[in-house]
């Protein structure tokens, strides 16, 4: 039996107007589900607790949420998944995500360890006819914490010859002497999955959606034809076609990509956009 929790990471005291729309919808759809706010130590959460009055609060050191890179490294650190090890699944719902209805139990029943919106060639700059690259966007994503924890204990190396050559080239050709520290750490423990959060530089969704499946054979990422029914991010009009005119469980960055196309669909689905 599934026992999911919705995790809303916040890093600033006041949500934007668009984030208020997202958070209000999240609180309405998941009123009967377990929910947690993830925030840096000392941040006033009263503006968020208005939407989630019974939410559990998880605090982390401020350093983990003071930049995009540190946040991405936090999300490949075992401490996050250890905090929710008694839950079957974590639904990450960033403040700019939007859930359209409560399908959480259905998605928890699916045979995947990680589900996120489809990716297209060009990623954030994808064109409507861009080829699919896979799936795994993190902003609205579902995880099995037990599986994530197991992977983040592995001694399997992700920092190999290709990464070493790239870093040495940048040191020698571009004079980036500060990368020498990354090299020294990369050939040690930080070059393994268990230490990746110390030096990994890509976004956490690339880690979970592309890197880990290459290294861990039985790690199950939902394919694009499934993921498009779970979530959308870029080129929503293309996603709409791929899902045969149906709306997904949720969206990420819904106001950033072709909002003119999404607005009437959201309104018809009952979302209060005011």
C-alpha atoms as a PDB file:
ATOM      1  CA  UNK A   1       0.000   0.000   0.000  1.00  0.00           C
ATOM      2  CA  UNK A   2       1.359   3.416  -0.932  1.00  0.00           C
ATOM      3  CA  UNK A   3       2.069   6.069   1.665  1.00  0.00           C
ATOM      4  CA  UNK A   4       3.076   9.173  -0.317  1.00  0.00           C
ATOM      5  CA  UNK A   5       3.942  12.669   0.846  1.00  0.00           C
ATOM      6  CA  UNK A   6       3.908  15.921  -1.133  1.00  0.00           C
ATOM      7  CA  UNK A   7       7.097  17.941  -0.696  1.00  0.00           C
ATOM      8  CA  UNK A   8       6.992  21.703  -1.377  1.00  0.00           C
ATOM      9  CA  UNK A   9      10.489  23.264  -1.330  1.00  0.00           C
ATOM     10  CA  UNK A  10      10.495  27.018  -0.532  1.00  0.00           C
ATOM     11  CA  UNK A  11      13.426  29.391  -0.230  1.00  0.00           C
ATOM     12  CA  UNK A  12      11.892  32.869   0.159  1.00  0.00           C
ATOM     13  CA  UNK A  13       9.517  34.389   2.680  1.00  0.00           C
ATOM     14  CA  UNK A  14       6.759  35.477   0.300  1.00  0.00           C
ATOM     15  CA  UNK A  15       5.457  33.571  -2.745  1.00  0.00           C
ATOM     16  CA  UNK A  16       4.810  35.481  -5.954  1.00  0.00           C
ATOM     17  CA  UNK A  17       1.249  36.041  -7.179  1.00  0.00           C
ATOM     18  CA  UNK A  18       1.585  33.165  -9.650  1.00  0.00           C
ATOM     19  CA  UNK A  19       3.002  30.907  -6.950  1.00  0.00           C
ATOM     20  CA  UNK A  20       0.003  31.741  -4.767  1.00  0.00           C
ATOM     21  CA  UNK A  21      -2.223  30.329  -7.528  1.00  0.00           C
ATOM     22  CA  UNK A  22      -0.134  27.145  -7.568  1.00  0.00           C
ATOM     23  CA  UNK A  23       0.003  26.758  -3.793  1.00  0.00           C
ATOM     24  CA  UNK A  24      -3.720  27.376  -3.366  1.00  0.00           C
ATOM     25  CA  UNK A  25      -4.469  24.693  -5.971  1.00  0.00           C
ATOM     26  CA  UNK A  26      -2.021  22.307  -4.294  1.00  0.00           C
ATOM     27  CA  UNK A  27      -3.645  22.794  -0.892  1.00  0.00           C
ATOM     28  CA  UNK A  28      -7.101  22.249  -2.383  1.00  0.00           C
ATOM     29  CA  UNK A  29      -6.229  19.094  -4.332  1.00  0.00           C
ATOM     30  CA  UNK A  30      -4.154  17.499  -1.581  1.00  0.00           C
ATOM     31  CA  UNK A  31      -6.188  18.567   1.449  1.00  0.00           C
ATOM     32  CA  UNK A  32      -6.310  14.969   2.703  1.00  0.00           C
ATOM     33  CA  UNK A  33      -2.735  13.998   1.846  1.00  0.00           C
ATOM     34  CA  UNK A  34       0.436  14.203   3.921  1.00  0.00           C
ATOM     35  CA  UNK A  35       2.415  17.297   2.979  1.00  0.00           C
ATOM     36  CA  UNK A  36       5.756  18.786   4.010  1.00  0.00           C
ATOM     37  CA  UNK A  37       7.430  22.147   3.522  1.00  0.00           C
ATOM     38  CA  UNK A  38      11.179  22.027   2.913  1.00  0.00           C
ATOM     39  CA  UNK A  39      12.833  25.300   3.912  1.00  0.00           C
ATOM     40  CA  UNK A  40      16.138  26.809   5.035  1.00  0.00           C
ATOM     41  CA  UNK A  41      16.658  27.306   8.756  1.00  0.00           C
ATOM     42  CA  UNK A  42      15.144  30.524  10.047  1.00  0.00           C
ATOM     43  CA  UNK A  43      12.796  31.239   7.131  1.00  0.00           C
ATOM     44  CA  UNK A  44       9.358  32.536   8.168  1.00  0.00           C
ATOM     45  CA  UNK A  45       6.848  30.081   6.672  1.00  0.00           C
ATOM     46  CA  UNK A  46       3.602  31.767   7.746  1.00  0.00           C
ATOM     47  CA  UNK A  47       2.719  32.751   4.148  1.00  0.00           C
ATOM     48  CA  UNK A  48       2.932  29.090   3.100  1.00  0.00           C
ATOM     49  CA  UNK A  49       1.269  27.611   6.161  1.00  0.00           C
ATOM     50  CA  UNK A  50      -1.814  29.581   5.199  1.00  0.00           C
ATOM     51  CA  UNK A  51      -2.247  27.075   2.357  1.00  0.00           C
ATOM     52  CA  UNK A  52      -0.918  24.038   4.264  1.00  0.00           C
ATOM     53  CA  UNK A  53      -1.874  24.501   7.928  1.00  0.00           C
ATOM     54  CA  UNK A  54      -1.069  20.915   8.919  1.00  0.00           C
ATOM     55  CA  UNK A  55       2.123  20.529   6.877  1.00  0.00           C
ATOM     56  CA  UNK A  56       5.210  18.988   8.401  1.00  0.00           C
ATOM     57  CA  UNK A  57       8.223  21.327   8.292  1.00  0.00           C
ATOM     58  CA  UNK A  58      11.675  20.059   7.282  1.00  0.00           C
ATOM     59  CA  UNK A  59      14.553  22.486   7.876  1.00  0.00           C
ATOM     60  CA  UNK A  60      17.947  22.359   6.201  1.00  0.00           C
ATOM     61  CA  UNK A  61      21.032  24.536   6.508  1.00  0.00           C
ATOM     62  CA  UNK A  62      20.568  27.761   4.563  1.00  0.00           C
ATOM     63  CA  UNK A  63      23.551  26.904   2.332  1.00  0.00           C
ATOM     64  CA  UNK A  64      21.488  24.190   0.633  1.00  0.00           C
ATOM     65  CA  UNK A  65      18.900  26.654  -0.695  1.00  0.00           C
ATOM     66  CA  UNK A  66      20.869  29.834  -1.381  1.00  0.00           C
ATOM     67  CA  UNK A  67      21.424  29.091  -5.085  1.00  0.00           C
ATOM     68  CA  UNK A  68      20.094  26.929  -7.900  1.00  0.00           C
ATOM     69  CA  UNK A  69      23.261  24.818  -7.884  1.00  0.00           C
ATOM     70  CA  UNK A  70      23.154  24.155  -4.133  1.00  0.00           C
ATOM     71  CA  UNK A  71      19.457  23.240  -4.350  1.00  0.00           C
ATOM     72  CA  UNK A  72      20.196  20.774  -7.146  1.00  0.00           C
ATOM     73  CA  UNK A  73      22.995  19.212  -5.115  1.00  0.00           C
ATOM     74  CA  UNK A  74      20.703  18.951  -2.100  1.00  0.00           C
ATOM     75  CA  UNK A  75      18.262  16.955  -4.197  1.00  0.00           C
ATOM     76  CA  UNK A  76      20.892  14.301  -4.861  1.00  0.00           C
ATOM     77  CA  UNK A  77      21.954  14.198  -1.213  1.00  0.00           C
ATOM     78  CA  UNK A  78      20.725  11.241   0.867  1.00  0.00           C
ATOM     79  CA  UNK A  79      19.617  13.505   3.725  1.00  0.00           C
ATOM     80  CA  UNK A  80      16.470  14.493   1.814  1.00  0.00           C
ATOM     81  CA  UNK A  81      15.381  10.937   1.067  1.00  0.00           C
ATOM     82  CA  UNK A  82      16.351   9.777   4.549  1.00  0.00           C
ATOM     83  CA  UNK A  83      13.902  12.331   5.992  1.00  0.00           C
ATOM     84  CA  UNK A  84      11.058  10.588   4.137  1.00  0.00           C
ATOM     85  CA  UNK A  85      12.242   6.987   4.313  1.00  0.00           C
ATOM     86  CA  UNK A  86       8.979   5.867   5.957  1.00  0.00           C
ATOM     87  CA  UNK A  87       6.990   7.091   2.928  1.00  0.00           C
ATOM     88  CA  UNK A  88       6.559   5.001  -0.211  1.00  0.00           C
ATOM     89  CA  UNK A  89       6.811   8.023  -2.535  1.00  0.00           C
ATOM     90  CA  UNK A  90       7.710  11.715  -2.572  1.00  0.00           C
ATOM     91  CA  UNK A  91       5.878  14.038  -4.943  1.00  0.00           C
ATOM     92  CA  UNK A  92       8.095  17.090  -5.410  1.00  0.00           C
ATOM     93  CA  UNK A  93       5.850  20.091  -6.046  1.00  0.00           C
ATOM     94  CA  UNK A  94       7.943  23.221  -6.512  1.00  0.00           C
ATOM     95  CA  UNK A  95       6.070  26.518  -5.944  1.00  0.00           C
ATOM     96  CA  UNK A  96       5.810  27.147  -9.697  1.00  0.00           C
ATOM     97  CA  UNK A  97       4.208  23.747 -10.341  1.00  0.00           C
ATOM     98  CA  UNK A  98       0.480  23.126 -10.696  1.00  0.00           C
ATOM     99  CA  UNK A  99      -1.472  19.996  -9.807  1.00  0.00           C
ATOM    100  CA  UNK A 100      -4.752  19.675 -11.704  1.00  0.00           C
ATOM    101  CA  UNK A 101      -6.433  16.885  -9.735  1.00  0.00           C
ATOM    102  CA  UNK A 102      -5.509  14.266  -7.169  1.00  0.00           C
ATOM    103  CA  UNK A 103      -4.135  11.280  -9.084  1.00  0.00           C
ATOM    104  CA  UNK A 104      -1.333  10.645  -6.622  1.00  0.00           C
ATOM    105  CA  UNK A 105      -2.426   7.170  -5.553  1.00  0.00           C
ATOM    106  CA  UNK A 106      -2.763   6.081  -9.184  1.00  0.00           C
ATOM    107  CA  UNK A 107       0.766   7.195 -10.038  1.00  0.00           C
ATOM    108  CA  UNK A 108       2.187   5.577  -6.919  1.00  0.00           C
ATOM    109  CA  UNK A 109       0.834   2.273  -8.215  1.00  0.00           C
ATOM    110  CA  UNK A 110       2.837   2.552 -11.447  1.00  0.00           C
ATOM    111  CA  UNK A 111       6.082   0.524 -11.729  1.00  0.00           C
ATOM    112  CA  UNK A 112       8.500   3.467 -11.851  1.00  0.00           C
ATOM    113  CA  UNK A 113      11.120   4.818  -9.470  1.00  0.00           C
ATOM    114  CA  UNK A 114      11.130   8.298 -11.001  1.00  0.00           C
ATOM    115  CA  UNK A 115       8.573  10.176 -13.108  1.00  0.00           C
ATOM    116  CA  UNK A 116       8.895  13.700 -14.505  1.00  0.00           C
ATOM    117  CA  UNK A 117       7.696  15.691 -17.504  1.00  0.00           C
ATOM    118  CA  UNK A 118       9.018  14.886 -21.003  1.00  0.00           C
ATOM    119  CA  UNK A 119      12.125  16.575 -22.384  1.00  0.00           C
ATOM    120  CA  UNK A 120      12.521  17.761 -25.958  1.00  0.00           C
ATOM    121  CA  UNK A 121      15.635  18.653 -27.929  1.00  0.00           C
ATOM    122  CA  UNK A 122      16.594  22.139 -26.842  1.00  0.00           C
ATOM    123  CA  UNK A 123      15.208  21.626 -23.351  1.00  0.00           C
ATOM    124  CA  UNK A 124      14.035  25.060 -22.112  1.00  0.00           C
ATOM    125  CA  UNK A 125      14.314  26.432 -25.658  1.00  0.00           C
ATOM    126  CA  UNK A 126      12.593  23.507 -27.372  1.00  0.00           C
ATOM    127  CA  UNK A 127      10.549  24.231 -30.474  1.00  0.00           C
ATOM    128  CA  UNK A 128       7.064  22.719 -30.953  1.00  0.00           C
ATOM    129  CA  UNK A 129       8.381  20.170 -33.459  1.00  0.00           C
ATOM    130  CA  UNK A 130      11.512  19.253 -31.477  1.00  0.00           C
ATOM    131  CA  UNK A 131      12.277  15.523 -31.093  1.00  0.00           C
ATOM    132  CA  UNK A 132      11.693  13.890 -27.721  1.00  0.00           C
ATOM    133  CA  UNK A 133      14.815  13.290 -25.634  1.00  0.00           C
ATOM    134  CA  UNK A 134      13.305  11.383 -22.722  1.00  0.00           C
ATOM    135  CA  UNK A 135      11.622  12.404 -19.490  1.00  0.00           C
ATOM    136  CA  UNK A 136      12.475  13.461 -15.978  1.00  0.00           C
ATOM    137  CA  UNK A 137      11.847  17.159 -15.248  1.00  0.00           C
ATOM    138  CA  UNK A 138      12.180  17.602 -11.488  1.00  0.00           C
ATOM    139  CA  UNK A 139       9.812  20.525 -10.739  1.00  0.00           C
ATOM    140  CA  UNK A 140       6.783  18.242 -10.522  1.00  0.00           C
ATOM    141  CA  UNK A 141       8.148  14.736 -10.071  1.00  0.00           C
ATOM    142  CA  UNK A 142       7.519  11.484  -8.234  1.00  0.00           C
ATOM    143  CA  UNK A 143      10.224   9.469  -6.455  1.00  0.00           C
ATOM    144  CA  UNK A 144      10.585   6.282  -4.443  1.00  0.00           C
ATOM    145  CA  UNK A 145      12.780   7.408  -1.517  1.00  0.00           C
ATOM    146  CA  UNK A 146      13.867   3.865  -0.632  1.00  0.00           C
ATOM    147  CA  UNK A 147      15.267   3.428  -4.150  1.00  0.00           C
ATOM    148  CA  UNK A 148      16.896   6.875  -4.129  1.00  0.00           C
ATOM    149  CA  UNK A 149      18.549   6.125  -0.799  1.00  0.00           C
ATOM    150  CA  UNK A 150      19.875   2.811  -2.058  1.00  0.00           C
ATOM    151  CA  UNK A 151      21.395   4.491  -5.112  1.00  0.00           C
ATOM    152  CA  UNK A 152      22.952   7.259  -3.009  1.00  0.00           C
ATOM    153  CA  UNK A 153      24.760   4.623  -0.956  1.00  0.00           C
ATOM    154  CA  UNK A 154      26.350   3.064  -4.050  1.00  0.00           C
ATOM    155  CA  UNK A 155      30.097   3.162  -4.695  1.00  0.00           C
ATOM    156  CA  UNK A 156      29.426   3.097  -8.443  1.00  0.00           C
ATOM    157  CA  UNK A 157      31.468   5.821 -10.132  1.00  0.00           C
ATOM    158  CA  UNK A 158      29.823   8.556 -12.173  1.00  0.00           C
ATOM    159  CA  UNK A 159      32.982  10.701 -12.480  1.00  0.00           C
ATOM    160  CA  UNK A 160      35.052   8.842 -15.048  1.00  0.00           C
ATOM    161  CA  UNK A 161      37.583   9.458 -17.784  1.00  0.00           C
ATOM    162  CA  UNK A 162      35.291  11.735 -19.806  1.00  0.00           C
ATOM    163  CA  UNK A 163      34.646  14.032 -16.824  1.00  0.00           C
ATOM    164  CA  UNK A 164      38.336  14.003 -15.893  1.00  0.00           C
ATOM    165  CA  UNK A 165      39.412  14.932 -19.433  1.00  0.00           C
ATOM    166  CA  UNK A 166      36.855  17.740 -19.582  1.00  0.00           C
ATOM    167  CA  UNK A 167      38.002  19.239 -16.288  1.00  0.00           C
ATOM    168  CA  UNK A 168      41.708  18.946 -17.141  1.00  0.00           C
ATOM    169  CA  UNK A 169      41.027  20.587 -20.512  1.00  0.00           C
ATOM    170  CA  UNK A 170      39.296  23.513 -18.817  1.00  0.00           C
ATOM    171  CA  UNK A 171      42.218  23.869 -16.423  1.00  0.00           C
ATOM    172  CA  UNK A 172      44.850  23.811 -19.171  1.00  0.00           C
ATOM    173  CA  UNK A 173      43.058  25.671 -21.973  1.00  0.00           C
ATOM    174  CA  UNK A 174      40.836  28.098 -20.090  1.00  0.00           C
ATOM    175  CA  UNK A 175      43.001  28.581 -17.038  1.00  0.00           C
ATOM    176  CA  UNK A 176      40.258  27.503 -14.636  1.00  0.00           C
ATOM    177  CA  UNK A 177      42.635  26.564 -11.828  1.00  0.00           C
ATOM    178  CA  UNK A 178      39.754  26.314  -9.355  1.00  0.00           C
ATOM    179  CA  UNK A 179      38.639  23.129 -11.124  1.00  0.00           C
ATOM    180  CA  UNK A 180      41.684  21.314  -9.790  1.00  0.00           C
ATOM    181  CA  UNK A 181      39.811  20.850  -6.513  1.00  0.00           C
ATOM    182  CA  UNK A 182      36.933  19.242  -8.423  1.00  0.00           C
ATOM    183  CA  UNK A 183      39.382  16.875 -10.138  1.00  0.00           C
ATOM    184  CA  UNK A 184      40.973  15.829  -6.868  1.00  0.00           C
ATOM    185  CA  UNK A 185      37.596  15.229  -5.272  1.00  0.00           C
ATOM    186  CA  UNK A 186      36.214  13.592  -8.397  1.00  0.00           C
ATOM    187  CA  UNK A 187      38.830  10.852  -8.423  1.00  0.00           C
ATOM    188  CA  UNK A 188      37.916  10.164  -4.802  1.00  0.00           C
ATOM    189  CA  UNK A 189      34.611   9.570  -3.048  1.00  0.00           C
ATOM    190  CA  UNK A 190      32.856  12.565  -4.659  1.00  0.00           C
ATOM    191  CA  UNK A 191      33.164  10.734  -7.957  1.00  0.00           C
ATOM    192  CA  UNK A 192      30.852   7.973  -6.708  1.00  0.00           C
ATOM    193  CA  UNK A 193      27.070   8.096  -6.507  1.00  0.00           C
ATOM    194  CA  UNK A 194      27.245   8.256  -2.721  1.00  0.00           C
ATOM    195  CA  UNK A 195      29.334  11.435  -2.876  1.00  0.00           C
ATOM    196  CA  UNK A 196      27.955  13.085  -6.010  1.00  0.00           C
ATOM    197  CA  UNK A 197      26.272  15.934  -4.134  1.00  0.00           C
ATOM    198  CA  UNK A 198      29.709  17.358  -3.320  1.00  0.00           C
ATOM    199  CA  UNK A 199      30.740  18.213  -6.904  1.00  0.00           C
ATOM    200  CA  UNK A 200      27.970  17.321  -9.385  1.00  0.00           C
ATOM    201  CA  UNK A 201      27.230  20.364 -11.588  1.00  0.00           C
ATOM    202  CA  UNK A 202      24.217  19.439 -13.730  1.00  0.00           C
ATOM    203  CA  UNK A 203      20.636  19.851 -12.568  1.00  0.00           C
ATOM    204  CA  UNK A 204      19.295  17.122 -10.311  1.00  0.00           C
ATOM    205  CA  UNK A 205      16.781  16.010 -12.946  1.00  0.00           C
ATOM    206  CA  UNK A 206      19.645  15.211 -15.328  1.00  0.00           C
ATOM    207  CA  UNK A 207      21.187  13.166 -12.519  1.00  0.00           C
ATOM    208  CA  UNK A 208      18.007  11.170 -11.849  1.00  0.00           C
ATOM    209  CA  UNK A 209      16.584  11.125 -15.367  1.00  0.00           C
ATOM    210  CA  UNK A 210      19.713  10.488 -17.455  1.00  0.00           C
ATOM    211  CA  UNK A 211      22.834   9.684 -15.426  1.00  0.00           C
ATOM    212  CA  UNK A 212      21.471   7.164 -12.920  1.00  0.00           C
ATOM    213  CA  UNK A 213      19.635   5.032 -15.534  1.00  0.00           C
ATOM    214  CA  UNK A 214      22.949   4.631 -17.400  1.00  0.00           C
ATOM    215  CA  UNK A 215      24.734   3.436 -14.277  1.00  0.00           C
ATOM    216  CA  UNK A 216      22.014   1.490 -12.446  1.00  0.00           C
ATOM    217  CA  UNK A 217      20.400  -1.040 -14.748  1.00  0.00           C
ATOM    218  CA  UNK A 218      17.196  -1.640 -12.761  1.00  0.00           C
ATOM    219  CA  UNK A 219      16.417   2.039 -12.047  1.00  0.00           C
ATOM    220  CA  UNK A 220      13.032   2.627 -13.681  1.00  0.00           C
ATOM    221  CA  UNK A 221      12.308   6.034 -15.229  1.00  0.00           C
ATOM    222  CA  UNK A 222       8.905   6.522 -16.843  1.00  0.00           C
ATOM    223  CA  UNK A 223       9.229   6.772 -20.658  1.00  0.00           C
ATOM    224  CA  UNK A 224       7.946   9.906 -22.423  1.00  0.00           C
ATOM    225  CA  UNK A 225       4.692   8.303 -23.569  1.00  0.00           C
ATOM    226  CA  UNK A 226       3.833   7.667 -19.911  1.00  0.00           C
ATOM    227  CA  UNK A 227       5.412  10.834 -18.515  1.00  0.00           C
ATOM    228  CA  UNK A 228       3.317  13.072 -20.790  1.00  0.00           C
ATOM    229  CA  UNK A 229       0.223  11.896 -18.917  1.00  0.00           C
ATOM    230  CA  UNK A 230       1.920  12.664 -15.610  1.00  0.00           C
ATOM    231  CA  UNK A 231       3.317  16.153 -16.202  1.00  0.00           C
ATOM    232  CA  UNK A 232       4.183  18.811 -18.785  1.00  0.00           C
ATOM    233  CA  UNK A 233       6.677  21.641 -18.809  1.00  0.00           C
ATOM    234  CA  UNK A 234       7.923  23.001 -22.175  1.00  0.00           C
ATOM    235  CA  UNK A 235       5.907  23.054 -25.435  1.00  0.00           C
ATOM    236  CA  UNK A 236       2.542  22.297 -23.799  1.00  0.00           C
ATOM    237  CA  UNK A 237       0.772  22.338 -27.174  1.00  0.00           C
ATOM    238  CA  UNK A 238       2.953  19.421 -28.301  1.00  0.00           C
ATOM    239  CA  UNK A 239       2.329  17.613 -25.022  1.00  0.00           C
ATOM    240  CA  UNK A 240      -1.392  18.136 -25.511  1.00  0.00           C
ATOM    241  CA  UNK A 241      -1.177  16.407 -28.892  1.00  0.00           C
ATOM    242  CA  UNK A 242       0.958  13.570 -27.529  1.00  0.00           C
ATOM    243  CA  UNK A 243      -1.564  12.958 -24.743  1.00  0.00           C
ATOM    244  CA  UNK A 244      -4.471  12.896 -27.225  1.00  0.00           C
ATOM    245  CA  UNK A 245      -6.061  16.083 -25.942  1.00  0.00           C
ATOM    246  CA  UNK A 246      -5.990  15.193 -22.262  1.00  0.00           C
ATOM    247  CA  UNK A 247      -4.499  17.210 -19.421  1.00  0.00           C
ATOM    248  CA  UNK A 248      -1.825  15.634 -17.196  1.00  0.00           C
ATOM    249  CA  UNK A 249      -1.762  15.141 -13.433  1.00  0.00           C
ATOM    250  CA  UNK A 250       0.306  18.315 -13.087  1.00  0.00           C
ATOM    251  CA  UNK A 251       2.485  20.941 -14.751  1.00  0.00           C
ATOM    252  CA  UNK A 252       5.788  22.614 -14.014  1.00  0.00           C
ATOM    253  CA  UNK A 253       6.509  26.266 -14.833  1.00  0.00           C
ATOM    254  CA  UNK A 254       2.964  26.513 -16.172  1.00  0.00           C
ATOM    255  CA  UNK A 255       3.049  30.313 -16.558  1.00  0.00           C
ATOM    256  CA  UNK A 256       6.417  30.344 -18.394  1.00  0.00           C
ATOM    257  CA  UNK A 257       5.783  28.273 -21.512  1.00  0.00           C
ATOM    258  CA  UNK A 258       2.957  29.222 -23.904  1.00  0.00           C
ATOM    259  CA  UNK A 259       0.558  30.416 -21.222  1.00  0.00           C
ATOM    260  CA  UNK A 260      -1.817  31.656 -23.918  1.00  0.00           C
ATOM    261  CA  UNK A 261      -2.352  28.030 -24.945  1.00  0.00           C
ATOM    262  CA  UNK A 262      -2.653  26.722 -21.376  1.00  0.00           C
ATOM    263  CA  UNK A 263      -4.890  29.414 -19.881  1.00  0.00           C
ATOM    264  CA  UNK A 264      -8.257  28.263 -21.305  1.00  0.00           C
ATOM    265  CA  UNK A 265      -7.399  24.621 -20.577  1.00  0.00           C
ATOM    266  CA  UNK A 266      -6.618  25.436 -16.954  1.00  0.00           C
ATOM    267  CA  UNK A 267      -9.760  27.503 -16.547  1.00  0.00           C
ATOM    268  CA  UNK A 268     -11.913  24.721 -17.997  1.00  0.00           C
ATOM    269  CA  UNK A 269     -10.299  22.271 -15.578  1.00  0.00           C
ATOM    270  CA  UNK A 270     -11.429  24.393 -12.626  1.00  0.00           C
ATOM    271  CA  UNK A 271      -8.168  26.150 -11.694  1.00  0.00           C
ATOM    272  CA  UNK A 272      -8.729  29.619 -10.180  1.00  0.00           C
ATOM    273  CA  UNK A 273      -6.189  31.789 -11.985  1.00  0.00           C
ATOM    274  CA  UNK A 274      -7.152  35.073 -10.343  1.00  0.00           C
END
